[in-house]
PDB file of N, CA and C in Angstrom:
ATOM      1  N   MET A   1     -27.599  -4.502 -17.264  1.00  0.00           N
ATOM      2  CA  MET A   1     -27.519  -6.243 -17.235  1.00  0.00           C
ATOM      3  C   MET A   1     -28.350  -6.380 -15.904  1.00  0.00           C
ATOM      4  N   SER A   2     -28.880  -7.467 -15.937  1.00  0.00           N
ATOM      5  CA  SER A   2     -29.445  -7.486 -14.870  1.00  0.00           C
ATOM      6  C   SER A   2     -28.799  -8.562 -13.711  1.00  0.00           C
ATOM      7  N   TYR A   3     -29.423  -8.375 -12.746  1.00  0.00           N
ATOM      8  CA  TYR A   3     -28.641  -9.177 -11.483  1.00  0.00           C
ATOM      9  C   TYR A   3     -28.155 -10.549 -11.791  1.00  0.00           C
ATOM     10  N   TYR A   4     -29.084 -11.251 -12.146  1.00  0.00           N
ATOM     11  CA  TYR A   4     -28.816 -12.528 -12.797  1.00  0.00           C
ATOM     12  C   TYR A   4     -27.847 -12.778 -13.600  1.00  0.00           C
ATOM     13  N   ASP A   5     -28.345 -11.984 -14.822  1.00  0.00           N
ATOM     14  CA  ASP A   5     -27.086 -11.985 -15.793  1.00  0.00           C
ATOM     15  C   ASP A   5     -25.414 -11.430 -15.038  1.00  0.00           C
ATOM     16  N   ALA A   6     -25.360 -10.451 -14.426  1.00  0.00           N
ATOM     17  CA  ALA A   6     -23.997 -10.211 -13.815  1.00  0.00           C
ATOM     18  C   ALA A   6     -23.669 -11.275 -13.260  1.00  0.00           C
ATOM     19  N   VAL A   7     -24.140 -11.848 -11.922  1.00  0.00           N
ATOM     20  CA  VAL A   7     -23.978 -12.857 -11.378  1.00  0.00           C
ATOM     21  C   VAL A   7     -23.624 -14.133 -12.228  1.00  0.00           C
ATOM     22  N   CYS A   8     -24.126 -14.371 -13.123  1.00  0.00           N
ATOM     23  CA  CYS A   8     -23.792 -15.690 -14.113  1.00  0.00           C
ATOM     24  C   CYS A   8     -22.426 -15.374 -14.758  1.00  0.00           C
ATOM     25  N   ARG A   9     -22.226 -14.184 -15.086  1.00  0.00           N
ATOM     26  CA  ARG A   9     -21.077 -13.603 -15.972  1.00  0.00           C
ATOM     27  C   ARG A   9     -19.896 -13.794 -14.927  1.00  0.00           C
ATOM     28  N   MET A  10     -19.981 -13.328 -14.066  1.00  0.00           N
ATOM     29  CA  MET A  10     -18.982 -13.276 -13.012  1.00  0.00           C
ATOM     30  C   MET A  10     -18.543 -14.752 -12.556  1.00  0.00           C
ATOM     31  N   ILE A  11     -19.400 -15.755 -12.610  1.00  0.00           N
ATOM     32  CA  ILE A  11     -19.356 -17.062 -12.256  1.00  0.00           C
ATOM     33  C   ILE A  11     -18.314 -17.733 -13.570  1.00  0.00           C
ATOM     34  N   GLU A  12     -19.071 -17.469 -14.738  1.00  0.00           N
ATOM     35  CA  GLU A  12     -18.252 -17.835 -16.111  1.00  0.00           C
ATOM     36  C   GLU A  12     -16.744 -17.210 -16.140  1.00  0.00           C
ATOM     37  N   LEU A  13     -16.573 -15.767 -15.752  1.00  0.00           N
ATOM     38  CA  LEU A  13     -15.207 -15.564 -15.776  1.00  0.00           C
ATOM     39  C   LEU A  13     -14.137 -15.841 -14.556  1.00  0.00           C
ATOM     40  N   ASN A  14     -14.890 -16.799 -13.407  1.00  0.00           N
ATOM     41  CA  ASN A  14     -13.994 -16.947 -12.281  1.00  0.00           C
ATOM     42  C   ASN A  14     -13.730 -15.806 -11.565  1.00  0.00           C
ATOM     43  N   VAL A  15     -14.585 -14.868 -11.352  1.00  0.00           N
ATOM     44  CA  VAL A  15     -14.242 -13.295 -10.709  1.00  0.00           C
ATOM     45  C   VAL A  15     -13.992 -13.943  -9.321  1.00  0.00           C
ATOM     46  N   ASP A  16     -13.102 -13.119  -8.394  1.00  0.00           N
ATOM     47  CA  ASP A  16     -12.888 -13.240  -6.747  1.00  0.00           C
ATOM     48  C   ASP A  16     -14.177 -13.525  -6.246  1.00  0.00           C
ATOM     49  N   PRO A  17     -14.316 -14.621  -5.285  1.00  0.00           N
ATOM     50  CA  PRO A  17     -15.221 -14.882  -4.716  1.00  0.00           C
ATOM     51  C   PRO A  17     -15.712 -13.669  -3.959  1.00  0.00           C
ATOM     52  N   ASP A  18     -14.983 -13.046  -3.067  1.00  0.00           N
ATOM     53  CA  ASP A  18     -14.853 -11.917  -2.025  1.00  0.00           C
ATOM     54  C   ASP A  18     -15.749 -11.077  -2.815  1.00  0.00           C
ATOM     55  N   TYR A  19     -15.245 -10.653  -3.937  1.00  0.00           N
ATOM     56  CA  TYR A  19     -15.582  -9.670  -4.796  1.00  0.00           C
ATOM     57  C   TYR A  19     -16.866  -9.742  -5.295  1.00  0.00           C
ATOM     58  N   MET A  20     -17.438 -11.242  -5.685  1.00  0.00           N
ATOM     59  CA  MET A  20     -18.550 -11.455  -5.798  1.00  0.00           C
ATOM     60  C   MET A  20     -19.764 -11.194  -4.618  1.00  0.00           C
ATOM     61  N   GLU A  21     -19.149 -11.656  -3.727  1.00  0.00           N
ATOM     62  CA  GLU A  21     -20.137 -11.623  -2.431  1.00  0.00           C
ATOM     63  C   GLU A  21     -20.184 -10.132  -1.944  1.00  0.00           C
ATOM     64  N   GLY A  22     -19.311  -9.260  -2.263  1.00  0.00           N
ATOM     65  CA  GLY A  22     -19.522  -7.977  -2.020  1.00  0.00           C
ATOM     66  C   GLY A  22     -20.441  -7.324  -2.841  1.00  0.00           C
ATOM     67  N   TRP A  23     -20.151  -7.567  -4.200  1.00  0.00           N
ATOM     68  CA  TRP A  23     -20.983  -7.109  -5.184  1.00  0.00           C
ATOM     69  C   TRP A  23     -22.626  -7.518  -5.067  1.00  0.00           C
ATOM     70  N   MET A  24     -22.899  -8.685  -4.647  1.00  0.00           N
ATOM     71  CA  MET A  24     -24.161  -8.987  -4.346  1.00  0.00           C
ATOM     72  C   MET A  24     -24.556  -8.477  -3.616  1.00  0.00           C
ATOM     73  N   GLY A  25     -23.814  -8.355  -1.982  1.00  0.00           N
ATOM     74  CA  GLY A  25     -24.536  -7.460  -0.956  1.00  0.00           C
ATOM     75  C   GLY A  25     -24.911  -6.253  -1.319  1.00  0.00           C
ATOM     76  N   GLY A  26     -24.038  -5.375  -1.872  1.00  0.00           N
ATOM     77  CA  GLY A  26     -24.100  -4.470  -2.113  1.00  0.00           C
ATOM     78  C   GLY A  26     -25.303  -3.649  -3.374  1.00  0.00           C
ATOM     79  N   TYR A  27     -25.494  -4.778  -4.128  1.00  0.00           N
ATOM     80  CA  TYR A  27     -26.688  -4.786  -5.235  1.00  0.00           C
ATOM     81  C   TYR A  27     -27.827  -5.017  -4.363  1.00  0.00           C
ATOM     82  N   LEU A  28     -28.124  -5.846  -3.565  1.00  0.00           N
ATOM     83  CA  LEU A  28     -29.127  -6.150  -2.916  1.00  0.00           C
ATOM     84  C   LEU A  28     -29.423  -5.106  -1.641  1.00  0.00           C
ATOM     85  N   ARG A  29     -28.529  -4.202  -1.213  1.00  0.00           N
ATOM     86  CA  ARG A  29     -28.510  -3.306  -0.026  1.00  0.00           C
ATOM     87  C   ARG A  29     -28.410  -4.216   1.202  1.00  0.00           C
ATOM     88  N   ASN A  30     -27.812  -5.183   0.936  1.00  0.00           N
ATOM     89  CA  ASN A  30     -27.632  -6.065   2.359  1.00  0.00           C
ATOM     90  C   ASN A  30     -26.991  -5.256   3.328  1.00  0.00           C
ATOM     91  N   PRO A  31     -26.540  -5.192   4.635  1.00  0.00           N
ATOM     92  CA  PRO A  31     -25.671  -4.818   5.446  1.00  0.00           C
ATOM     93  C   PRO A  31     -24.321  -5.281   5.184  1.00  0.00           C
ATOM     94  N   ARG A  32     -23.267  -4.553   5.304  1.00  0.00           N
ATOM     95  CA  ARG A  32     -21.821  -4.973   5.248  1.00  0.00           C
ATOM     96  C   ARG A  32     -21.351  -6.181   6.097  1.00  0.00           C
ATOM     97  N   ARG A  33     -20.401  -6.907   5.894  1.00  0.00           N
ATOM     98  CA  ARG A  33     -19.848  -7.703   6.606  1.00  0.00           C
ATOM     99  C   ARG A  33     -19.365  -7.093   8.010  1.00  0.00           C
ATOM    100  N   GLU A  34     -18.919  -7.915   9.145  1.00  0.00           N
ATOM    101  CA  GLU A  34     -18.556  -7.261  10.110  1.00  0.00           C
ATOM    102  C   GLU A  34     -16.945  -6.778   9.876  1.00  0.00           C
ATOM    103  N   GLU A  35     -16.514  -5.696  10.514  1.00  0.00           N
ATOM    104  CA  GLU A  35     -15.309  -4.940  10.051  1.00  0.00           C
ATOM    105  C   GLU A  35     -13.988  -5.979  10.020  1.00  0.00           C
ATOM    106  N   HIS A  36     -13.779  -6.866  11.001  1.00  0.00           N
ATOM    107  CA  HIS A  36     -12.748  -7.788  11.117  1.00  0.00           C
ATOM    108  C   HIS A  36     -12.940  -8.721   9.454  1.00  0.00           C
ATOM    109  N   GLU A  37     -14.121  -8.891   9.041  1.00  0.00           N
ATOM    110  CA  GLU A  37     -13.982  -9.794   7.689  1.00  0.00           C
ATOM    111  C   GLU A  37     -14.006  -8.976   6.400  1.00  0.00           C
ATOM    112  N   ILE A  38     -14.077  -7.842   6.329  1.00  0.00           N
ATOM    113  CA  ILE A  38     -13.876  -7.101   5.171  1.00  0.00           C
ATOM    114  C   ILE A  38     -12.558  -7.095   4.418  1.00  0.00           C
ATOM    115  N   THR A  39     -12.720  -7.486   3.342  1.00  0.00           N
ATOM    116  CA  THR A  39     -11.147  -7.545   2.627  1.00  0.00           C
ATOM    117  C   THR A  39     -11.466  -6.166   1.411  1.00  0.00           C
ATOM    118  N   PRO A  40     -10.172  -6.094   0.709  1.00  0.00           N
ATOM    119  CA  PRO A  40     -10.324  -5.226  -0.287  1.00  0.00           C
ATOM    120  C   PRO A  40     -11.410  -5.507  -1.447  1.00  0.00           C
ATOM    121  N   GLU A  41     -11.142  -6.671  -1.826  1.00  0.00           N
ATOM    122  CA  GLU A  41     -12.185  -7.285  -2.936  1.00  0.00           C
ATOM    123  C   GLU A  41     -13.550  -7.224  -2.575  1.00  0.00           C
ATOM    124  N   TYR A  42     -13.717  -7.660  -1.272  1.00  0.00           N
ATOM    125  CA  TYR A  42     -15.201  -7.335  -0.679  1.00  0.00           C
ATOM    126  C   TYR A  42     -15.733  -5.968  -0.758  1.00  0.00           C
ATOM    127  N   SER A  43     -14.839  -4.950  -0.110  1.00  0.00           N
ATOM    128  CA  SER A  43     -15.269  -3.625  -0.087  1.00  0.00           C
ATOM    129  C   SER A  43     -15.382  -3.096  -1.572  1.00  0.00           C
ATOM    130  N   THR A  44     -14.497  -3.259  -2.398  1.00  0.00           N
ATOM    131  CA  THR A  44     -14.653  -2.938  -3.981  1.00  0.00           C
ATOM    132  C   THR A  44     -15.854  -3.118  -4.593  1.00  0.00           C
ATOM    133  N   GLY A  45     -16.185  -4.731  -4.271  1.00  0.00           N
ATOM    134  CA  GLY A  45     -17.407  -5.195  -4.966  1.00  0.00           C
ATOM    135  C   GLY A  45     -18.543  -4.645  -4.214  1.00  0.00           C
ATOM    136  N   PHE A  46     -18.657  -4.562  -2.961  1.00  0.00           N
ATOM    137  CA  PHE A  46     -19.870  -3.915  -2.360  1.00  0.00           C
ATOM    138  C   PHE A  46     -20.208  -2.239  -2.952  1.00  0.00           C
ATOM    139  N   GLU A  47     -19.007  -1.759  -3.088  1.00  0.00           N
ATOM    140  CA  GLU A  47     -19.115  -0.294  -3.808  1.00  0.00           C
ATOM    141  C   GLU A  47     -20.037  -0.436  -5.059  1.00  0.00           C
ATOM    142  N   ASP A  48     -19.232  -1.295  -6.105  1.00  0.00           N
ATOM    143  CA  ASP A  48     -19.654  -1.598  -7.414  1.00  0.00           C
ATOM    144  C   ASP A  48     -21.335  -1.667  -7.307  1.00  0.00           C
ATOM    145  N   GLY A  49     -21.487  -3.095  -6.392  1.00  0.00           N
ATOM    146  CA  GLY A  49     -22.668  -3.200  -6.265  1.00  0.00           C
ATOM    147  C   GLY A  49     -23.672  -2.242  -6.136  1.00  0.00           C
ATOM    148  N   LEU A  50     -23.510  -1.555  -5.101  1.00  0.00           N
ATOM    149  CA  LEU A  50     -24.346  -0.234  -4.527  1.00  0.00           C
ATOM    150  C   LEU A  50     -24.825   0.823  -5.665  1.00  0.00           C
ATOM    151  N   GLU A  51     -23.536   0.812  -6.466  1.00  0.00           N
ATOM    152  CA  GLU A  51     -23.961   1.194  -7.911  1.00  0.00           C
ATOM    153  C   GLU A  51     -24.464   0.792  -9.118  1.00  0.00           C
ATOM    154  N   ARG A  52     -24.488  -0.393  -8.775  1.00  0.00           N
ATOM    155  CA  ARG A  52     -25.100  -1.315  -9.614  1.00  0.00           C
ATOM    156  C   ARG A  52     -24.289  -1.487 -11.021  1.00  0.00           C
ATOM    157  N   ASP A  53     -22.953  -1.446 -10.726  1.00  0.00           N
ATOM    158  CA  ASP A  53     -21.755  -1.114 -11.805  1.00  0.00           C
ATOM    159  C   ASP A  53     -21.177  -2.482 -12.122  1.00  0.00           C
ATOM    160  N   THR A  54     -21.178  -2.746 -13.421  1.00  0.00           N
ATOM    161  CA  THR A  54     -20.750  -4.018 -14.009  1.00  0.00           C
ATOM    162  C   THR A  54     -19.315  -4.001 -14.673  1.00  0.00           C
ATOM    163  N   ARG A  55     -18.947  -2.893 -14.613  1.00  0.00           N
ATOM    164  CA  ARG A  55     -17.846  -2.295 -15.587  1.00  0.00           C
ATOM    165  C   ARG A  55     -16.512  -2.745 -14.852  1.00  0.00           C
ATOM    166  N   HIS A  56     -16.372  -3.026 -13.562  1.00  0.00           N
ATOM    167  CA  HIS A  56     -15.264  -3.455 -13.033  1.00  0.00           C
ATOM    168  C   HIS A  56     -15.007  -4.682 -12.553  1.00  0.00           C
ATOM    169  N   PHE A  57     -16.109  -5.698 -12.526  1.00  0.00           N
ATOM    170  CA  PHE A  57     -15.468  -7.148 -12.226  1.00  0.00           C
ATOM    171  C   PHE A  57     -14.711  -7.610 -13.042  1.00  0.00           C
ATOM    172  N   CYS A  58     -14.364  -7.299 -14.379  1.00  0.00           N
ATOM    173  CA  CYS A  58     -13.453  -8.063 -14.834  1.00  0.00           C
ATOM    174  C   CYS A  58     -11.978  -8.014 -14.530  1.00  0.00           C
ATOM    175  N   SER A  59     -11.689  -7.029 -13.599  1.00  0.00           N
ATOM    176  CA  SER A  59     -10.359  -6.534 -12.896  1.00  0.00           C
ATOM    177  C   SER A  59     -10.092  -7.653 -11.755  1.00  0.00           C
ATOM    178  N   TRP A  60     -11.135  -8.476 -11.437  1.00  0.00           N
ATOM    179  CA  TRP A  60     -11.407  -9.250 -10.375  1.00  0.00           C
ATOM    180  C   TRP A  60     -11.205 -10.692 -10.652  1.00  0.00           C
ATOM    181  N   VAL A  61     -10.956 -11.095 -12.128  1.00  0.00           N
ATOM    182  CA  VAL A  61     -10.882 -12.494 -12.585  1.00  0.00           C
ATOM    183  C   VAL A  61      -9.638 -13.258 -12.056  1.00  0.00           C
ATOM    184  N   ILE A  62     -10.091 -14.299 -11.606  1.00  0.00           N
ATOM    185  CA  ILE A  62      -8.839 -14.967 -11.253  1.00  0.00           C
ATOM    186  C   ILE A  62      -8.469 -16.076 -12.331  1.00  0.00           C
ATOM    187  N   PRO A  63      -7.276 -15.995 -12.687  1.00  0.00           N
ATOM    188  CA  PRO A  63      -6.819 -16.848 -13.914  1.00  0.00           C
ATOM    189  C   PRO A  63      -7.091 -18.462 -13.580  1.00  0.00           C
ATOM    190  N   LEU A  64      -7.445 -19.093 -14.357  1.00  0.00           N
ATOM    191  CA  LEU A  64      -7.582 -20.319 -14.175  1.00  0.00           C
ATOM    192  C   LEU A  64      -6.167 -21.187 -14.173  1.00  0.00           C
ATOM    193  N   SER A  65      -5.718 -21.958 -13.129  1.00  0.00           N
ATOM    194  CA  SER A  65      -4.452 -22.509 -13.463  1.00  0.00           C
ATOM    195  C   SER A  65      -4.424 -23.785 -14.649  1.00  0.00           C
ATOM    196  N   SER A  66      -3.539 -24.129 -15.073  1.00  0.00           N
ATOM    197  CA  SER A  66      -3.500 -25.078 -15.970  1.00  0.00           C
ATOM    198  C   SER A  66      -3.155 -26.550 -15.557  1.00  0.00           C
TER     199      SER A  66
END
């Protein structure tokens, strides 16, 4: 899955924004956030992005409220 397709899919599924930001940063090999700004969601996303792994983002979907 390409970067564009993965990001579009995460948006469609309403994936946690911190996870998405981490995944995108890791995928693009950007520097990590400052230590005090790192959340578990961001950290996991960053690691998945470094590996270009798209298998785990479904675990970070935020259910839409009705």
